[in-house]
N, C-alpha and C. Protein backbone atom coordinates (compact mmCIF):
# COMPACT_ATOMS: atom_id res chain seq x y z
N MET A 1 193.08 142.81 135.06
CA MET A 1 192.12 142.81 134.06
C MET A 1 192.47 142.38 132.39
N ASP A 2 192.22 141.94 131.69
CA ASP A 2 192.40 141.99 130.66
C ASP A 2 191.52 143.03 129.51
N GLN A 3 192.45 143.84 129.16
CA GLN A 3 191.98 145.17 128.61
C GLN A 3 191.48 144.75 127.16
N LYS A 4 191.74 143.78 126.48
CA LYS A 4 191.05 143.08 125.47
C LYS A 4 190.06 142.48 125.02
N ALA A 5 189.83 141.92 126.59
CA ALA A 5 188.75 141.08 126.49
C ALA A 5 187.07 141.44 126.71
N SER A 6 186.53 141.46 126.06
CA SER A 6 184.94 141.94 125.72
C SER A 6 184.37 141.04 126.99
N VAL A 7 182.63 141.59 127.31
CA VAL A 7 181.73 140.72 127.70
C VAL A 7 181.37 139.71 127.09
N PRO A 8 181.50 138.32 127.46
CA PRO A 8 181.28 137.09 127.03
C PRO A 8 180.00 137.12 126.63
N THR A 9 179.83 136.42 125.42
CA THR A 9 178.44 136.30 124.54
C THR A 9 177.49 135.39 125.79
N HIS A 10 178.15 134.49 126.31
CA HIS A 10 177.23 133.25 127.21
C HIS A 10 177.63 133.11 128.21
N THR A 11 176.81 133.12 129.27
CA THR A 11 177.24 133.02 130.65
C THR A 11 177.86 131.47 131.43
N GLN A 12 178.79 131.27 131.96
CA GLN A 12 179.00 130.23 132.23
C GLN A 12 178.21 129.44 133.53
N ALA A 13 177.48 128.10 132.83
CA ALA A 13 176.32 127.96 133.97
C ALA A 13 177.51 127.22 135.26
N SER A 14 176.46 127.50 136.39
CA SER A 14 176.80 127.05 137.68
C SER A 14 175.63 126.70 138.44
N PRO A 15 176.29 125.93 139.07
CA PRO A 15 175.33 125.57 140.45
C PRO A 15 175.09 126.73 141.40
N LEU A 16 174.12 126.53 142.32
CA LEU A 16 173.88 127.28 143.50
C LEU A 16 175.22 126.77 144.14
N PRO A 17 175.65 127.61 144.94
CA PRO A 17 176.45 127.46 145.95
C PRO A 17 175.92 126.10 146.98
N PHE A 18 174.51 125.94 147.37
CA PHE A 18 174.11 124.86 147.85
C PHE A 18 174.84 123.96 147.77
N ALA A 19 174.95 123.57 146.29
CA ALA A 19 174.32 122.50 145.79
C ALA A 19 176.15 121.97 145.87
N VAL A 20 176.78 123.00 145.60
CA VAL A 20 178.81 123.11 145.53
C VAL A 20 179.00 122.34 147.08
N GLU A 21 178.56 123.12 147.54
CA GLU A 21 178.77 123.29 149.29
C GLU A 21 178.45 121.34 149.59
N LYS A 22 177.35 120.85 149.44
CA LYS A 22 176.83 119.88 149.33
C LYS A 22 177.67 118.86 148.41
N MET A 23 178.21 119.27 147.53
CA MET A 23 179.32 117.87 146.64
C MET A 23 180.79 117.70 147.16
N LYS A 24 181.05 119.17 147.78
CA LYS A 24 182.48 119.39 148.63
C LYS A 24 182.55 118.31 149.66
N LYS A 25 181.58 118.15 150.47
CA LYS A 25 181.16 117.23 151.80
C LYS A 25 180.97 115.85 151.15
N TYR A 26 181.00 115.47 149.96
CA TYR A 26 180.29 114.09 148.91
C TYR A 26 179.35 113.68 149.61
N LYS A 27 178.32 114.61 149.71
CA LYS A 27 176.87 114.63 149.78
C LYS A 27 176.31 114.57 148.67
N LEU A 28 174.88 114.01 148.85
CA LEU A 28 173.89 113.55 147.22
C LEU A 28 173.17 114.82 147.57
N VAL A 29 173.41 115.47 146.37
CA VAL A 29 172.42 116.59 146.06
C VAL A 29 171.99 116.60 144.97
N GLU A 30 170.60 117.20 144.09
CA GLU A 30 169.81 116.62 143.35
C GLU A 30 170.09 117.17 141.96
N LEU A 31 169.87 115.88 141.31
CA LEU A 31 170.51 116.39 139.68
C LEU A 31 170.21 117.66 138.82
N TRP A 32 168.62 118.52 139.92
CA TRP A 32 168.13 119.62 139.16
C TRP A 32 169.28 120.79 139.42
N TYR A 33 169.91 120.74 140.30
CA TYR A 33 171.10 121.91 140.36
C TYR A 33 172.01 122.09 139.21
N PHE A 34 171.81 121.08 138.74
CA PHE A 34 173.16 121.18 137.53
C PHE A 34 172.05 121.14 136.11
N GLY A 35 171.24 121.54 136.18
CA GLY A 35 170.44 121.26 135.06
C GLY A 35 169.85 122.98 134.50
N MET A 36 169.23 123.27 132.99
CA MET A 36 169.07 124.39 133.17
C MET A 36 168.34 125.42 134.24
N GLU A 37 167.43 124.77 134.78
CA GLU A 37 166.57 125.05 135.80
C GLU A 37 167.41 125.94 136.93
N GLY A 38 168.24 124.64 137.71
CA GLY A 38 168.73 125.31 138.73
C GLY A 38 169.82 126.30 138.45
N CYS A 39 170.49 126.15 136.98
CA CYS A 39 171.57 127.40 136.69
C CYS A 39 170.47 128.66 136.49
N GLU A 40 169.81 128.53 136.28
CA GLU A 40 168.93 129.90 136.07
C GLU A 40 168.45 130.50 137.68
N GLU A 41 168.14 129.64 138.35
CA GLU A 41 168.02 130.38 139.90
C GLU A 41 169.06 130.67 140.78
N VAL A 42 170.04 130.54 139.68
CA VAL A 42 171.47 131.09 140.53
C VAL A 42 171.29 132.54 139.64
N GLN A 43 171.02 132.63 138.82
CA GLN A 43 171.11 134.09 137.88
C GLN A 43 170.04 134.58 138.78
N ARG A 44 169.00 134.20 139.10
CA ARG A 44 167.57 135.17 140.11
C ARG A 44 168.02 135.26 141.48
N THR A 45 168.96 133.99 142.07
CA THR A 45 168.86 134.81 143.30
C THR A 45 170.06 135.17 143.69
N SER A 46 171.32 135.19 142.58
CA SER A 46 172.42 135.73 142.59
C SER A 46 172.56 137.21 143.46
N PHE A 47 171.10 138.09 143.15
CA PHE A 47 171.84 139.31 143.42
C PHE A 47 171.16 139.66 144.57
N ALA A 48 170.94 140.52 145.12
CA ALA A 48 170.19 140.46 146.58
C ALA A 48 169.71 142.00 146.47
N ASP A 49 168.40 142.28 147.37
CA ASP A 49 167.62 143.57 147.28
C ASP A 49 167.09 143.84 149.06
N SER A 50 166.28 144.37 148.93
CA SER A 50 166.64 145.01 150.61
C SER A 50 165.49 144.16 151.29
N THR A 51 164.92 143.29 150.67
CA THR A 51 164.33 142.43 151.19
C THR A 51 165.06 140.80 151.45
N THR A 52 166.12 140.65 151.36
CA THR A 52 167.11 139.51 151.00
C THR A 52 167.43 139.01 152.72
N GLY A 53 167.49 138.19 153.43
CA GLY A 53 167.89 137.48 154.23
C GLY A 53 169.14 137.49 154.28
N TYR A 54 169.87 137.20 155.21
CA TYR A 54 171.50 136.95 155.33
C TYR A 54 171.60 136.32 156.06
N SER A 55 173.26 135.77 156.10
CA SER A 55 173.21 134.22 157.01
C SER A 55 174.95 134.64 157.01
N PHE A 56 175.76 134.61 158.08
CA PHE A 56 176.84 134.73 157.92
C PHE A 56 177.07 132.84 157.43
N SER A 57 178.60 132.75 156.46
CA SER A 57 178.77 131.80 156.00
C SER A 57 180.06 131.66 155.66
N ALA A 58 181.22 130.54 156.37
CA ALA A 58 182.65 130.23 155.79
C ALA A 58 183.02 130.43 154.34
N VAL A 59 183.92 131.37 154.32
CA VAL A 59 184.05 131.15 152.56
C VAL A 59 185.76 131.17 152.67
N GLY A 60 186.20 130.66 151.47
CA GLY A 60 187.25 130.96 151.09
C GLY A 60 187.96 128.94 151.44
N GLU A 61 188.81 128.79 150.66
CA GLU A 61 189.35 127.43 150.75
C GLU A 61 189.91 126.87 151.88
N ASP A 62 190.24 127.73 152.93
CA ASP A 62 190.26 127.30 154.44
C ASP A 62 189.15 127.45 155.07
N ALA A 63 188.36 128.22 154.56
CA ALA A 63 186.68 128.56 155.88
C ALA A 63 186.98 129.29 156.68
N ALA A 64 188.25 130.22 156.62
CA ALA A 64 188.77 131.03 157.64
C ALA A 64 188.39 131.97 157.55
N THR A 65 187.10 132.57 156.45
CA THR A 65 186.88 134.20 156.65
C THR A 65 185.41 133.76 156.47
N VAL A 66 184.84 135.06 156.83
CA VAL A 66 183.08 134.86 157.29
C VAL A 66 182.58 136.11 156.87
N ALA A 67 181.60 135.21 155.83
CA ALA A 67 180.76 136.99 155.25
C ALA A 67 179.33 136.52 154.98
N LEU A 68 178.57 137.52 155.08
CA LEU A 68 177.42 137.49 155.11
C LEU A 68 177.16 137.48 153.60
N GLN A 69 176.28 136.17 153.31
CA GLN A 69 175.43 136.06 152.58
C GLN A 69 173.94 135.80 152.14
N PRO A 70 173.25 135.97 151.16
CA PRO A 70 171.99 135.51 150.75
C PRO A 70 171.49 134.36 151.38
N LEU A 71 170.10 134.36 152.12
CA LEU A 71 170.01 132.87 152.24
C LEU A 71 169.78 132.25 151.38
N SER A 72 169.30 132.44 150.41
CA SER A 72 168.71 131.87 149.07
C SER A 72 170.01 131.26 148.66
N MET A 73 171.45 131.84 148.64
CA MET A 73 172.55 131.01 147.90
C MET A 73 172.95 129.65 148.87
N LEU A 74 172.61 129.80 150.07
CA LEU A 74 173.07 129.11 151.13
C LEU A 74 172.08 127.59 151.51
N THR A 75 170.56 127.75 151.03
CA THR A 75 169.15 127.06 151.45
C THR A 75 169.39 126.18 150.31
N LYS A 76 168.47 124.89 150.36
CA LYS A 76 168.24 124.27 149.64
C LYS A 76 166.96 124.66 148.98
N SER A 77 167.06 125.03 147.52
CA SER A 77 165.88 125.79 146.80
C SER A 77 164.24 125.25 146.56
N LEU A 78 163.20 125.76 147.28
CA LEU A 78 162.00 124.86 146.97
C LEU A 78 161.61 124.62 145.57
N LYS A 79 162.60 125.01 144.73
CA LYS A 79 162.10 124.50 143.24
C LYS A 79 162.49 123.31 142.86
N ALA A 80 163.65 122.73 143.59
CA ALA A 80 164.43 121.73 143.46
C ALA A 80 163.70 120.12 143.24
N ILE A 81 163.80 119.51 142.14
CA ILE A 81 163.19 117.81 141.82
C ILE A 81 163.67 117.27 141.97
N PRO A 82 163.30 116.34 143.35
CA PRO A 82 164.01 115.37 143.50
C PRO A 82 164.66 114.42 142.09
N ASP A 83 165.57 113.41 142.47
CA ASP A 83 166.12 112.88 141.33
C ASP A 83 165.17 111.97 140.19
N GLU A 84 164.31 111.19 141.08
CA GLU A 84 163.07 110.24 140.38
C GLU A 84 162.24 111.00 139.61
N GLN A 85 161.82 112.05 140.11
CA GLN A 85 161.01 112.91 139.06
C GLN A 85 161.25 113.86 138.21
N ILE A 86 162.43 113.86 137.77
CA ILE A 86 163.19 114.24 136.65
C ILE A 86 162.87 113.95 135.50
N SER A 87 162.64 114.97 134.67
CA SER A 87 162.64 114.11 132.89
C SER A 87 164.03 113.79 132.33
N PHE A 88 163.47 112.44 131.67
CA PHE A 88 165.01 112.10 130.87
C PHE A 88 165.86 113.21 130.35
N THR A 89 165.31 114.30 129.99
CA THR A 89 165.80 115.47 129.04
C THR A 89 166.63 116.25 130.18
N GLN A 90 166.11 116.35 131.58
CA GLN A 90 166.73 117.36 132.33
C GLN A 90 167.97 116.62 132.91
N LEU A 91 167.59 115.33 133.12
CA LEU A 91 168.66 114.52 133.75
C LEU A 91 170.14 114.32 132.70
N PHE A 92 169.82 114.20 131.26
CA PHE A 92 170.93 114.16 130.62
C PHE A 92 171.71 115.98 130.27
N ILE A 93 170.93 116.98 130.30
CA ILE A 93 171.32 118.16 130.52
C ILE A 93 172.06 118.30 131.67
N ALA A 94 172.02 117.95 132.69
CA ALA A 94 172.22 118.43 133.79
C ALA A 94 173.64 117.65 134.12
N LYS A 95 173.92 116.24 133.86
CA LYS A 95 174.68 115.34 133.70
C LYS A 95 176.33 115.90 133.73
N THR A 96 176.21 116.68 132.27
CA THR A 96 177.43 117.39 132.22
C THR A 96 177.76 118.01 132.93
N LEU A 97 177.23 119.31 133.36
CA LEU A 97 177.59 120.13 134.60
C LEU A 97 177.88 119.47 135.78
N TYR A 98 177.18 118.26 136.31
CA TYR A 98 177.18 117.66 137.57
C TYR A 98 178.85 116.74 137.33
N VAL A 99 179.02 116.48 136.33
CA VAL A 99 180.37 115.94 136.42
C VAL A 99 181.61 116.80 136.36
N GLN A 100 181.08 118.07 135.43
CA GLN A 100 182.35 119.01 135.84
C GLN A 100 182.56 119.44 136.85
N THR A 101 181.19 119.54 137.63
CA THR A 101 182.05 119.97 139.11
C THR A 101 182.01 119.14 139.91
N MET A 102 182.02 117.77 140.05
CA MET A 102 183.51 117.05 140.84
C MET A 102 184.89 116.64 140.08
N THR A 103 185.04 117.09 139.21
CA THR A 103 186.34 117.28 138.60
C THR A 103 186.61 118.59 138.97
N GLU A 104 186.19 119.58 139.05
CA GLU A 104 186.84 121.17 139.60
C GLU A 104 186.54 120.84 140.82
N LEU A 105 186.08 120.70 141.76
CA LEU A 105 186.22 119.99 143.26
C LEU A 105 187.32 118.83 143.58
N GLY A 106 187.47 118.49 142.75
CA GLY A 106 188.81 117.68 143.05
C GLY A 106 188.73 115.99 143.39
N TRP A 107 187.46 115.54 142.78
CA TRP A 107 187.07 114.52 143.67
C TRP A 107 187.92 113.50 143.07
N PRO A 108 187.86 112.57 143.54
CA PRO A 108 189.44 111.61 142.74
C PRO A 108 188.91 111.28 141.27
N ALA A 109 189.95 111.39 140.24
CA ALA A 109 189.49 110.97 139.20
C ALA A 109 188.77 109.82 138.63
N ASP A 110 189.17 108.26 139.07
CA ASP A 110 188.29 107.61 139.06
C ASP A 110 186.87 107.18 139.46
N TYR A 111 186.61 108.63 140.10
CA TYR A 111 185.03 108.73 140.49
C TYR A 111 184.37 109.21 139.12
N CYS A 112 185.25 110.84 138.52
CA CYS A 112 184.55 111.55 138.09
C CYS A 112 184.38 110.59 136.18
N LEU A 113 185.57 109.71 136.25
CA LEU A 113 185.17 108.92 135.10
C LEU A 113 184.31 107.46 134.88
N VAL A 114 183.74 107.22 135.63
CA VAL A 114 183.30 106.23 136.30
C VAL A 114 181.26 106.95 136.01
N TRP A 115 181.58 107.81 136.69
CA TRP A 115 180.45 109.05 136.31
C TRP A 115 180.14 109.50 134.87
N ALA A 116 180.89 109.97 134.26
CA ALA A 116 180.99 110.07 132.92
C ALA A 116 180.09 108.67 131.98
N HIS A 117 180.76 107.55 132.25
CA HIS A 117 180.53 106.80 131.66
C HIS A 117 179.21 106.26 131.95
N PHE A 118 179.21 106.18 132.83
CA PHE A 118 177.67 105.85 133.30
C PHE A 118 177.21 106.42 132.93
N TYR A 119 176.68 107.79 132.82
CA TYR A 119 176.32 108.50 131.78
C TYR A 119 175.74 108.48 130.53
N THR A 120 176.82 107.76 129.53
CA THR A 120 177.13 107.59 128.43
C THR A 120 176.38 106.27 128.39
N ILE A 121 176.86 104.75 129.25
CA ILE A 121 175.87 103.70 128.70
C ILE A 121 174.46 104.56 128.77
N LEU A 122 174.45 105.07 129.96
CA LEU A 122 172.55 105.26 130.17
C LEU A 122 172.00 106.17 129.17
N GLU A 123 172.72 107.03 128.58
CA GLU A 123 171.98 107.57 126.86
C GLU A 123 171.97 106.71 126.35
N ASN A 124 172.76 105.40 125.86
CA ASN A 124 172.93 104.58 125.03
C ASN A 124 172.01 103.10 125.12
N HIS A 125 171.45 103.14 126.66
CA HIS A 125 170.71 102.04 126.84
C HIS A 125 169.25 101.64 126.15
N ARG A 126 168.96 100.58 125.48
CA ARG A 126 168.38 99.57 125.10
C ARG A 126 166.79 100.46 125.69
N PHE A 127 166.24 101.09 126.33
CA PHE A 127 165.00 101.35 127.35
C PHE A 127 164.89 102.36 126.70
N HIS A 128 165.96 103.08 125.77
CA HIS A 128 165.17 104.11 125.15
C HIS A 128 164.42 104.14 123.95
N GLN A 129 164.08 103.22 123.96
CA GLN A 129 163.37 102.37 122.59
C GLN A 129 162.02 101.82 123.07
N ILE A 130 161.93 102.09 124.65
CA ILE A 130 160.72 101.32 124.96
C ILE A 130 160.13 102.46 125.80
N GLU A 131 158.59 102.53 124.66
CA GLU A 131 157.49 103.43 125.14
C GLU A 131 156.57 102.52 125.69
N PRO A 132 155.98 103.38 126.48
CA PRO A 132 155.72 105.12 126.82
C PRO A 132 156.53 104.99 128.04
N TYR A 133 157.14 104.18 128.83
CA TYR A 133 158.01 104.16 129.89
C TYR A 133 159.48 103.52 130.39
N GLY A 134 160.24 103.25 129.22
CA GLY A 134 161.28 103.09 129.72
C GLY A 134 162.40 104.39 130.04
N MET A 135 162.40 105.60 129.42
CA MET A 135 163.19 106.72 129.78
C MET A 135 162.68 106.52 131.24
N GLN A 136 161.56 106.86 131.89
CA GLN A 136 160.82 106.68 133.30
C GLN A 136 162.04 105.71 133.81
N VAL A 137 162.16 104.53 133.63
CA VAL A 137 162.79 103.13 134.12
C VAL A 137 163.91 103.72 134.06
N LEU A 138 164.66 104.69 133.53
CA LEU A 138 166.21 105.16 133.48
C LEU A 138 166.38 106.23 134.38
N VAL A 139 165.73 106.87 134.44
CA VAL A 139 165.40 108.02 135.52
C VAL A 139 165.32 107.72 137.32
N ILE A 140 164.58 106.54 137.40
CA ILE A 140 164.75 105.95 138.40
C ILE A 140 165.70 105.10 138.58
N TYR A 141 166.13 104.63 137.76
CA TYR A 141 167.39 103.55 138.11
C TYR A 141 168.54 104.90 138.70
N HIS A 142 168.69 105.31 137.94
CA HIS A 142 169.93 106.39 137.43
C HIS A 142 169.55 107.05 139.26
N ALA A 143 168.42 107.47 139.68
CA ALA A 143 167.93 107.95 141.10
C ALA A 143 168.57 107.18 142.45
N GLN A 144 168.21 106.00 141.87
CA GLN A 144 168.62 104.68 143.12
C GLN A 144 169.96 104.76 142.98
N VAL A 145 170.93 104.30 141.78
CA VAL A 145 172.43 104.45 141.93
C VAL A 145 172.77 105.42 142.35
N ARG A 146 172.54 106.69 142.24
CA ARG A 146 173.05 107.88 143.21
C ARG A 146 173.10 107.88 144.36
N CYS A 147 171.62 107.42 144.85
CA CYS A 147 171.66 107.62 146.17
C CYS A 147 172.52 106.73 147.05
N ASN A 148 172.38 105.11 146.35
CA ASN A 148 172.79 104.21 147.13
C ASN A 148 174.45 104.31 147.29
N TRP A 149 174.92 104.45 146.05
CA TRP A 149 176.88 105.07 145.91
C TRP A 149 176.79 106.25 146.75
N HIS A 150 176.22 107.24 146.96
CA HIS A 150 176.49 107.98 148.24
C HIS A 150 176.58 108.05 149.25
N ARG A 151 175.33 107.07 149.79
CA ARG A 151 175.21 106.38 151.28
C ARG A 151 176.54 105.66 151.87
N LEU A 152 176.97 104.87 150.35
CA LEU A 152 178.11 104.25 150.58
C LEU A 152 179.09 105.30 150.81
N LEU A 153 179.37 105.94 150.20
CA LEU A 153 180.56 106.80 150.01
C LEU A 153 180.39 107.44 151.05
N LEU A 154 179.69 108.33 151.90
CA LEU A 154 179.86 108.43 153.41
C LEU A 154 179.90 108.18 154.86
N THR A 155 179.51 106.93 154.27
CA THR A 155 179.90 105.58 155.35
C THR A 155 181.29 105.01 155.37
N LYS A 156 181.44 105.66 154.34
CA LYS A 156 183.53 105.15 154.44
C LYS A 156 183.83 104.30 153.85
N LYS A 157 182.67 103.18 153.22
CA LYS A 157 182.91 102.01 152.57
C LYS A 157 183.14 101.89 151.22
N SER A 158 183.44 101.34 150.46
CA SER A 158 183.86 101.17 149.66
C SER A 158 182.67 101.08 148.15
N VAL A 159 182.70 101.98 147.19
CA VAL A 159 182.04 102.06 146.89
C VAL A 159 181.76 101.11 145.26
N PHE A 160 180.57 101.41 145.17
CA PHE A 160 180.47 100.13 143.50
C PHE A 160 180.86 101.05 142.13
N ASN A 161 181.09 100.22 141.60
CA ASN A 161 181.55 101.05 140.29
C ASN A 161 179.66 101.14 138.95
N VAL A 162 179.50 102.51 139.31
CA VAL A 162 178.20 103.29 138.80
C VAL A 162 178.20 102.60 137.42
N ALA A 163 179.31 102.20 136.59
CA ALA A 163 179.11 102.06 134.73
C ALA A 163 179.11 100.85 134.58
N ILE A 164 178.88 99.56 135.94
CA ILE A 164 178.25 98.29 135.40
C ILE A 164 176.98 98.56 135.83
N ILE A 165 175.80 98.96 134.77
CA ILE A 165 174.47 98.58 135.02
C ILE A 165 174.34 97.17 135.26
N ASN A 166 173.58 97.35 136.25
CA ASN A 166 172.26 95.99 137.09
C ASN A 166 171.55 96.11 136.29
N GLU A 167 171.28 95.33 135.07
CA GLU A 167 170.22 94.71 134.49
C GLU A 167 168.62 93.96 135.21
N ASP A 168 169.42 93.20 136.41
CA ASP A 168 167.99 92.58 137.13
C ASP A 168 167.65 94.24 137.82
N LEU A 169 168.10 95.18 138.38
CA LEU A 169 167.62 96.03 138.87
C LEU A 169 166.82 96.99 138.12
N VAL A 170 167.16 97.03 136.58
CA VAL A 170 166.58 97.88 135.60
C VAL A 170 165.45 96.83 135.54
N GLN A 171 165.03 96.04 135.35
CA GLN A 171 163.90 94.92 134.77
C GLN A 171 163.07 95.03 135.93
N LYS A 172 163.69 95.03 137.04
CA LYS A 172 162.46 95.10 138.67
C LYS A 172 162.27 96.72 138.34
N LEU A 173 162.79 97.32 138.01
CA LEU A 173 162.05 98.99 138.26
C LEU A 173 161.27 98.96 136.84
N GLU A 174 161.31 98.09 135.84
CA GLU A 174 160.44 98.11 134.65
C GLU A 174 158.77 97.02 134.99
N ASP A 175 158.97 96.42 135.80
CA ASP A 175 158.23 95.59 136.96
C ASP A 175 157.39 96.60 137.65
N ASP A 176 158.01 96.85 138.64
CA ASP A 176 157.28 98.27 139.14
C ASP A 176 156.23 99.25 138.61
N ILE A 177 156.97 99.58 137.27
CA ILE A 177 155.93 100.32 136.58
C ILE A 177 155.04 99.92 136.07
N LEU A 178 155.43 99.03 135.06
CA LEU A 178 154.02 98.16 134.58
C LEU A 178 153.19 97.60 135.47
N ARG A 179 153.22 97.42 136.73
CA ARG A 179 152.26 97.20 137.72
C ARG A 179 151.43 98.51 138.30
N GLN A 180 152.24 99.50 137.90
CA GLN A 180 151.50 100.63 138.24
C GLN A 180 150.41 101.11 137.00
N MET A 181 150.58 100.60 135.87
CA MET A 181 150.13 101.09 134.77
C MET A 181 148.72 100.53 135.22
């Protein structure tokens, strides 16, 4: 204990353990878990009461220890929003903790760097200026990129560089949205 340390002013944001466990296995998890709503869910569900259900869970780096944990910490949140349905604002709030979590979990540095670069490029994409649907196009593009990248990663195939924006796909998504209007 640090005898001179006081209570922190701000709590460190953290995603639900469910999301972290999926990321440890390089599985796709909704970006929602890394945004304000997902982190608030951690605050609401991290304390158990007499009505809480529990399950055994492997804990520790080697997973050699078993502990009882609240089910709410081990299962998908019913409030989670699919990537293609989050707002542009939610996406850009969540991206920082998402890349930070990648780094903390020891993902390869080149993965972390290209994802950080991808988000910077997306944040400055020309579609920001297209009203009223430009940001929706970028959110859907982001969702498709993440899904396809993780699918390749899990099949042990070479993954593509997410920071190279496929403008043809962006244009196709714009056309799809315009047809629906």
